Structure formats: C-alpha cells, structure tokens
Amino acid sequence: MYIWHSDQGKQYGAKETIALVLEKGLLPSMSRAGTPTNNPFAERFVGQFKHAVVRR
C-alpha cells in the first residue's frame, strides 16, 4: 500500500479528500503541526518558488 503524506492543511483533512485517498487505495498520513522538517524537499521547493515567482 502507498502512503499519501501531506501537511496539516485543512483541505487535506477534509472528508472528501480522505474519502478520495482511500478510494484510490492510498493510506492517508499527516505530519505534525509546526514541523516543516518532516518534508524538507517540499518546503525548499515552495520557498524557492516564492522567491523566484512571487517576490520578484
């Protein structure tokens, strides 16, 4: 079984999202709140994206 890991965003914990994840045969998983070190690659990407696009 594959794990679908996300942060604590409310859209990821919504009933509809969880139902879809389970329907697709995935196991939902959420990081603890306030722990960006759980997913450093995604955090780095978002930071670089914001710097390159949003903060121009």
PDB file of N, CA and C in Angstrom:
ATOM      1  N   MET A   1       0.847  -1.178   0.000  1.00  0.00           N
ATOM      2  CA  MET A   1       0.000   0.000   0.000  1.00  0.00           C
ATOM      3  C   MET A   1       0.895   1.245   0.000  1.00  0.00           C
ATOM      4  N   TYR A   2       0.506   2.235  -0.752  1.00  0.00           N
ATOM      5  CA  TYR A   2       1.229   3.503  -0.810  1.00  0.00           C
ATOM      6  C   TYR A   2       0.662   4.474   0.218  1.00  0.00           C
ATOM      7  N   ILE A   3       1.524   5.358   0.691  1.00  0.00           N
ATOM      8  CA  ILE A   3       1.125   6.364   1.672  1.00  0.00           C
ATOM      9  C   ILE A   3       1.019   7.713   0.980  1.00  0.00           C
ATOM     10  N   TRP A   4      -0.065   8.422   1.232  1.00  0.00           N
ATOM     11  CA  TRP A   4      -0.258   9.783   0.722  1.00  0.00           C
ATOM     12  C   TRP A   4      -0.029  10.719   1.894  1.00  0.00           C
ATOM     13  N   HIS A   5       1.154  11.347   1.927  1.00  0.00           N
ATOM     14  CA  HIS A   5       1.548  12.180   3.061  1.00  0.00           C
ATOM     15  C   HIS A   5       1.335  13.648   2.736  1.00  0.00           C
ATOM     16  N   SER A   6       0.763  14.371   3.671  1.00  0.00           N
ATOM     17  CA  SER A   6       0.512  15.799   3.473  1.00  0.00           C
ATOM     18  C   SER A   6       0.786  16.550   4.768  1.00  0.00           C
ATOM     19  N   ASP A   7       0.720  17.867   4.673  1.00  0.00           N
ATOM     20  CA  ASP A   7       0.870  18.687   5.870  1.00  0.00           C
ATOM     21  C   ASP A   7      -0.494  18.853   6.536  1.00  0.00           C
ATOM     22  N   GLN A   8      -0.603  19.764   7.446  1.00  0.00           N
ATOM     23  CA  GLN A   8      -1.833  19.952   8.215  1.00  0.00           C
ATOM     24  C   GLN A   8      -2.842  20.887   7.551  1.00  0.00           C
ATOM     25  N   GLY A   9      -2.711  21.121   6.255  1.00  0.00           N
ATOM     26  CA  GLY A   9      -3.664  21.982   5.556  1.00  0.00           C
ATOM     27  C   GLY A   9      -5.079  21.430   5.674  1.00  0.00           C
ATOM     28  N   LYS A  10      -6.044  22.328   5.916  1.00  0.00           N
ATOM     29  CA  LYS A  10      -7.421  21.850   6.141  1.00  0.00           C
ATOM     30  C   LYS A  10      -7.993  21.142   4.923  1.00  0.00           C
ATOM     31  N   GLN A  11      -7.519  21.493   3.718  1.00  0.00           N
ATOM     32  CA  GLN A  11      -8.019  20.823   2.523  1.00  0.00           C
ATOM     33  C   GLN A  11      -7.605  19.348   2.493  1.00  0.00           C
ATOM     34  N   TYR A  12      -6.475  19.017   3.134  1.00  0.00           N
ATOM     35  CA  TYR A  12      -6.005  17.629   3.139  1.00  0.00           C
ATOM     36  C   TYR A  12      -6.721  16.773   4.166  1.00  0.00           C
ATOM     37  N   GLY A  13      -7.290  17.405   5.177  1.00  0.00           N
ATOM     38  CA  GLY A  13      -8.022  16.662   6.196  1.00  0.00           C
ATOM     39  C   GLY A  13      -9.520  16.621   5.966  1.00  0.00           C
ATOM     40  N   ALA A  14      -9.968  17.237   4.869  1.00  0.00           N
ATOM     41  CA  ALA A  14     -11.404  17.264   4.565  1.00  0.00           C
ATOM     42  C   ALA A  14     -11.924  15.849   4.306  1.00  0.00           C
ATOM     43  N   LYS A  15     -13.160  15.618   4.692  1.00  0.00           N
ATOM     44  CA  LYS A  15     -13.774  14.296   4.496  1.00  0.00           C
ATOM     45  C   LYS A  15     -13.696  13.850   3.044  1.00  0.00           C
ATOM     46  N   GLU A  16     -13.943  14.780   2.129  1.00  0.00           N
ATOM     47  CA  GLU A  16     -13.934  14.449   0.702  1.00  0.00           C
ATOM     48  C   GLU A  16     -12.546  14.009   0.243  1.00  0.00           C
ATOM     49  N   THR A  17     -11.528  14.701   0.726  1.00  0.00           N
ATOM     50  CA  THR A  17     -10.159  14.356   0.343  1.00  0.00           C
ATOM     51  C   THR A  17      -9.778  12.990   0.887  1.00  0.00           C
ATOM     52  N   ILE A  18     -10.067  12.758   2.155  1.00  0.00           N
ATOM     53  CA  ILE A  18      -9.737  11.475   2.772  1.00  0.00           C
ATOM     54  C   ILE A  18     -10.474  10.343   2.067  1.00  0.00           C
ATOM     55  N   ALA A  19     -11.741  10.560   1.724  1.00  0.00           N
ATOM     56  CA  ALA A  19     -12.519   9.534   1.022  1.00  0.00           C
ATOM     57  C   ALA A  19     -11.891   9.208  -0.328  1.00  0.00           C
ATOM     58  N   LEU A  20     -11.458  10.222  -1.062  1.00  0.00           N
ATOM     59  CA  LEU A  20     -10.831  10.007  -2.365  1.00  0.00           C
ATOM     60  C   LEU A  20      -9.506   9.265  -2.223  1.00  0.00           C
ATOM     61  N   VAL A  21      -8.716   9.653  -1.237  1.00  0.00           N
ATOM     62  CA  VAL A  21      -7.428   8.994  -0.998  1.00  0.00           C
ATOM     63  C   VAL A  21      -7.647   7.509  -0.710  1.00  0.00           C
ATOM     64  N   LEU A  22      -8.598   7.205   0.155  1.00  0.00           N
ATOM     65  CA  LEU A  22      -8.898   5.810   0.481  1.00  0.00           C
ATOM     66  C   LEU A  22      -9.459   5.060  -0.722  1.00  0.00           C
ATOM     67  N   GLU A  23     -10.306   5.724  -1.500  1.00  0.00           N
ATOM     68  CA  GLU A  23     -10.887   5.118  -2.703  1.00  0.00           C
ATOM     69  C   GLU A  23      -9.796   4.701  -3.687  1.00  0.00           C
ATOM     70  N   LYS A  24      -8.735   5.487  -3.745  1.00  0.00           N
ATOM     71  CA  LYS A  24      -7.623   5.199  -4.658  1.00  0.00           C
ATOM     72  C   LYS A  24      -6.658   4.168  -4.086  1.00  0.00           C
ATOM     73  N   GLY A  25      -6.949   3.663  -2.899  1.00  0.00           N
ATOM     74  CA  GLY A  25      -6.118   2.632  -2.298  1.00  0.00           C
ATOM     75  C   GLY A  25      -4.878   3.153  -1.591  1.00  0.00           C
ATOM     76  N   LEU A  26      -4.912   4.417  -1.199  1.00  0.00           N
ATOM     77  CA  LEU A  26      -3.776   5.023  -0.516  1.00  0.00           C
ATOM     78  C   LEU A  26      -4.057   5.134   0.975  1.00  0.00           C
ATOM     79  N   LEU A  27      -3.003   5.183   1.751  1.00  0.00           N
ATOM     80  CA  LEU A  27      -3.125   5.357   3.189  1.00  0.00           C
ATOM     81  C   LEU A  27      -2.828   6.811   3.529  1.00  0.00           C
ATOM     82  N   PRO A  28      -3.806   7.561   4.040  1.00  0.00           N
ATOM     83  CA  PRO A  28      -3.560   8.968   4.357  1.00  0.00           C
ATOM     84  C   PRO A  28      -2.653   9.121   5.575  1.00  0.00           C
ATOM     85  N   SER A  29      -1.772  10.098   5.499  1.00  0.00           N
ATOM     86  CA  SER A  29      -0.843  10.387   6.585  1.00  0.00           C
ATOM     87  C   SER A  29      -0.636  11.895   6.645  1.00  0.00           C
ATOM     88  N   MET A  30      -0.567  12.445   7.853  1.00  0.00           N
ATOM     89  CA  MET A  30      -0.342  13.889   8.018  1.00  0.00           C
ATOM     90  C   MET A  30       0.817  14.113   8.969  1.00  0.00           C
ATOM     91  N   SER A  31       1.630  15.110   8.635  1.00  0.00           N
ATOM     92  CA  SER A  31       2.718  15.480   9.530  1.00  0.00           C
ATOM     93  C   SER A  31       2.152  16.213  10.737  1.00  0.00           C
ATOM     94  N   ARG A  32       2.948  16.274  11.776  1.00  0.00           N
ATOM     95  CA  ARG A  32       2.525  17.021  12.961  1.00  0.00           C
ATOM     96  C   ARG A  32       2.552  18.506  12.639  1.00  0.00           C
ATOM     97  N   ALA A  33       1.699  19.238  13.274  1.00  0.00           N
ATOM     98  CA  ALA A  33       1.644  20.687  13.054  1.00  0.00           C
ATOM     99  C   ALA A  33       2.946  21.345  13.498  1.00  0.00           C
ATOM    100  N   GLY A  34       3.407  22.297  12.693  1.00  0.00           N
ATOM    101  CA  GLY A  34       4.599  23.053  13.044  1.00  0.00           C
ATOM    102  C   GLY A  34       5.905  22.316  12.879  1.00  0.00           C
ATOM    103  N   THR A  35       5.926  21.291  12.017  1.00  0.00           N
ATOM    104  CA  THR A  35       7.157  20.527  11.802  1.00  0.00           C
ATOM    105  C   THR A  35       7.519  20.495  10.318  1.00  0.00           C
ATOM    106  N   PRO A  36       8.004  21.607   9.766  1.00  0.00           N
ATOM    107  CA  PRO A  36       8.366  21.624   8.349  1.00  0.00           C
ATOM    108  C   PRO A  36       9.534  20.702   8.024  1.00  0.00           C
ATOM    109  N   THR A  37      10.278  20.269   9.037  1.00  0.00           N
ATOM    110  CA  THR A  37      11.404  19.365   8.793  1.00  0.00           C
ATOM    111  C   THR A  37      10.940  17.958   8.422  1.00  0.00           C
ATOM    112  N   ASN A  38       9.657  17.672   8.564  1.00  0.00           N
ATOM    113  CA  ASN A  38       9.140  16.366   8.142  1.00  0.00           C
ATOM    114  C   ASN A  38       9.144  16.214   6.632  1.00  0.00           C
ATOM    115  N   ASN A  39       9.155  17.325   5.904  1.00  0.00           N
ATOM    116  CA  ASN A  39       9.142  17.275   4.444  1.00  0.00           C
ATOM    117  C   ASN A  39      10.034  18.393   3.892  1.00  0.00           C
ATOM    118  N   PRO A  40      11.343  18.281   4.105  1.00  0.00           N
ATOM    119  CA  PRO A  40      12.234  19.386   3.734  1.00  0.00           C
ATOM    120  C   PRO A  40      12.298  19.669   2.241  1.00  0.00           C
ATOM    121  N   PHE A  41      12.133  18.652   1.406  1.00  0.00           N
ATOM    122  CA  PHE A  41      12.221  18.863  -0.040  1.00  0.00           C
ATOM    123  C   PHE A  41      11.064  19.732  -0.538  1.00  0.00           C
ATOM    124  N   ALA A  42       9.868  19.452  -0.058  1.00  0.00           N
ATOM    125  CA  ALA A  42       8.711  20.258  -0.455  1.00  0.00           C
ATOM    126  C   ALA A  42       8.832  21.671   0.102  1.00  0.00           C
ATOM    127  N   GLU A  43       9.282  21.795   1.332  1.00  0.00           N
ATOM    128  CA  GLU A  43       9.435  23.121   1.932  1.00  0.00           C
ATOM    129  C   GLU A  43      10.456  23.953   1.163  1.00  0.00           C
ATOM    130  N   ARG A  44      11.555  23.335   0.755  1.00  0.00           N
ATOM    131  CA  ARG A  44      12.588  24.045  -0.004  1.00  0.00           C
ATOM    132  C   ARG A  44      12.037  24.490  -1.359  1.00  0.00           C
ATOM    133  N   PHE A  45      11.305  23.584  -2.032  1.00  0.00           N
ATOM    134  CA  PHE A  45      10.734  23.920  -3.335  1.00  0.00           C
ATOM    135  C   PHE A  45       9.789  25.115  -3.225  1.00  0.00           C
ATOM    136  N   VAL A  46       8.910  25.092  -2.255  1.00  0.00           N
ATOM    137  CA  VAL A  46       7.946  26.184  -2.090  1.00  0.00           C
ATOM    138  C   VAL A  46       8.680  27.486  -1.798  1.00  0.00           C
ATOM    139  N   GLY A  47       9.707  27.428  -0.967  1.00  0.00           N
ATOM    140  CA  GLY A  47      10.481  28.624  -0.668  1.00  0.00           C
ATOM    141  C   GLY A  47      11.164  29.196  -1.896  1.00  0.00           C
ATOM    142  N   GLN A  48      11.765  28.330  -2.710  1.00  0.00           N
ATOM    143  CA  GLN A  48      12.425  28.788  -3.934  1.00  0.00           C
ATOM    144  C   GLN A  48      11.413  29.317  -4.939  1.00  0.00           C
ATOM    145  N   PHE A  49      10.264  28.663  -5.043  1.00  0.00           N
ATOM    146  CA  PHE A  49       9.220  29.104  -5.964  1.00  0.00           C
ATOM    147  C   PHE A  49       8.736  30.501  -5.587  1.00  0.00           C
ATOM    148  N   LYS A  50       8.462  30.693  -4.310  1.00  0.00           N
ATOM    149  CA  LYS A  50       8.004  32.011  -3.858  1.00  0.00           C
ATOM    150  C   LYS A  50       9.049  33.077  -4.142  1.00  0.00           C
ATOM    151  N   HIS A  51      10.297  32.742  -3.912  1.00  0.00           N
ATOM    152  CA  HIS A  51      11.362  33.710  -4.157  1.00  0.00           C
ATOM    153  C   HIS A  51      11.468  34.049  -5.641  1.00  0.00           C
ATOM    154  N   ALA A  52      11.370  33.036  -6.496  1.00  0.00           N
ATOM    155  CA  ALA A  52      11.554  33.237  -7.935  1.00  0.00           C
ATOM    156  C   ALA A  52      10.346  33.878  -8.611  1.00  0.00           C
ATOM    157  N   VAL A  53       9.157  33.555  -8.170  1.00  0.00           N
ATOM    158  CA  VAL A  53       7.951  33.993  -8.873  1.00  0.00           C
ATOM    159  C   VAL A  53       7.190  35.080  -8.116  1.00  0.00           C
ATOM    160  N   VAL A  54       6.895  34.834  -6.903  1.00  0.00           N
ATOM    161  CA  VAL A  54       6.018  35.720  -6.150  1.00  0.00           C
ATOM    162  C   VAL A  54       6.730  36.997  -5.710  1.00  0.00           C
ATOM    163  N   ARG A  55       7.955  36.880  -5.282  1.00  0.00           N
ATOM    164  CA  ARG A  55       8.657  38.033  -4.699  1.00  0.00           C
ATOM    165  C   ARG A  55       9.513  38.797  -5.697  1.00  0.00           C
ATOM    166  N   ARG A  56       9.237  38.717  -6.962  1.00  0.00           N
ATOM    167  CA  ARG A  56      10.022  39.426  -7.979  1.00  0.00           C
ATOM    168  C   ARG A  56       9.796  40.886  -7.941  1.00  0.00           C
TER     169      ARG A  56
END
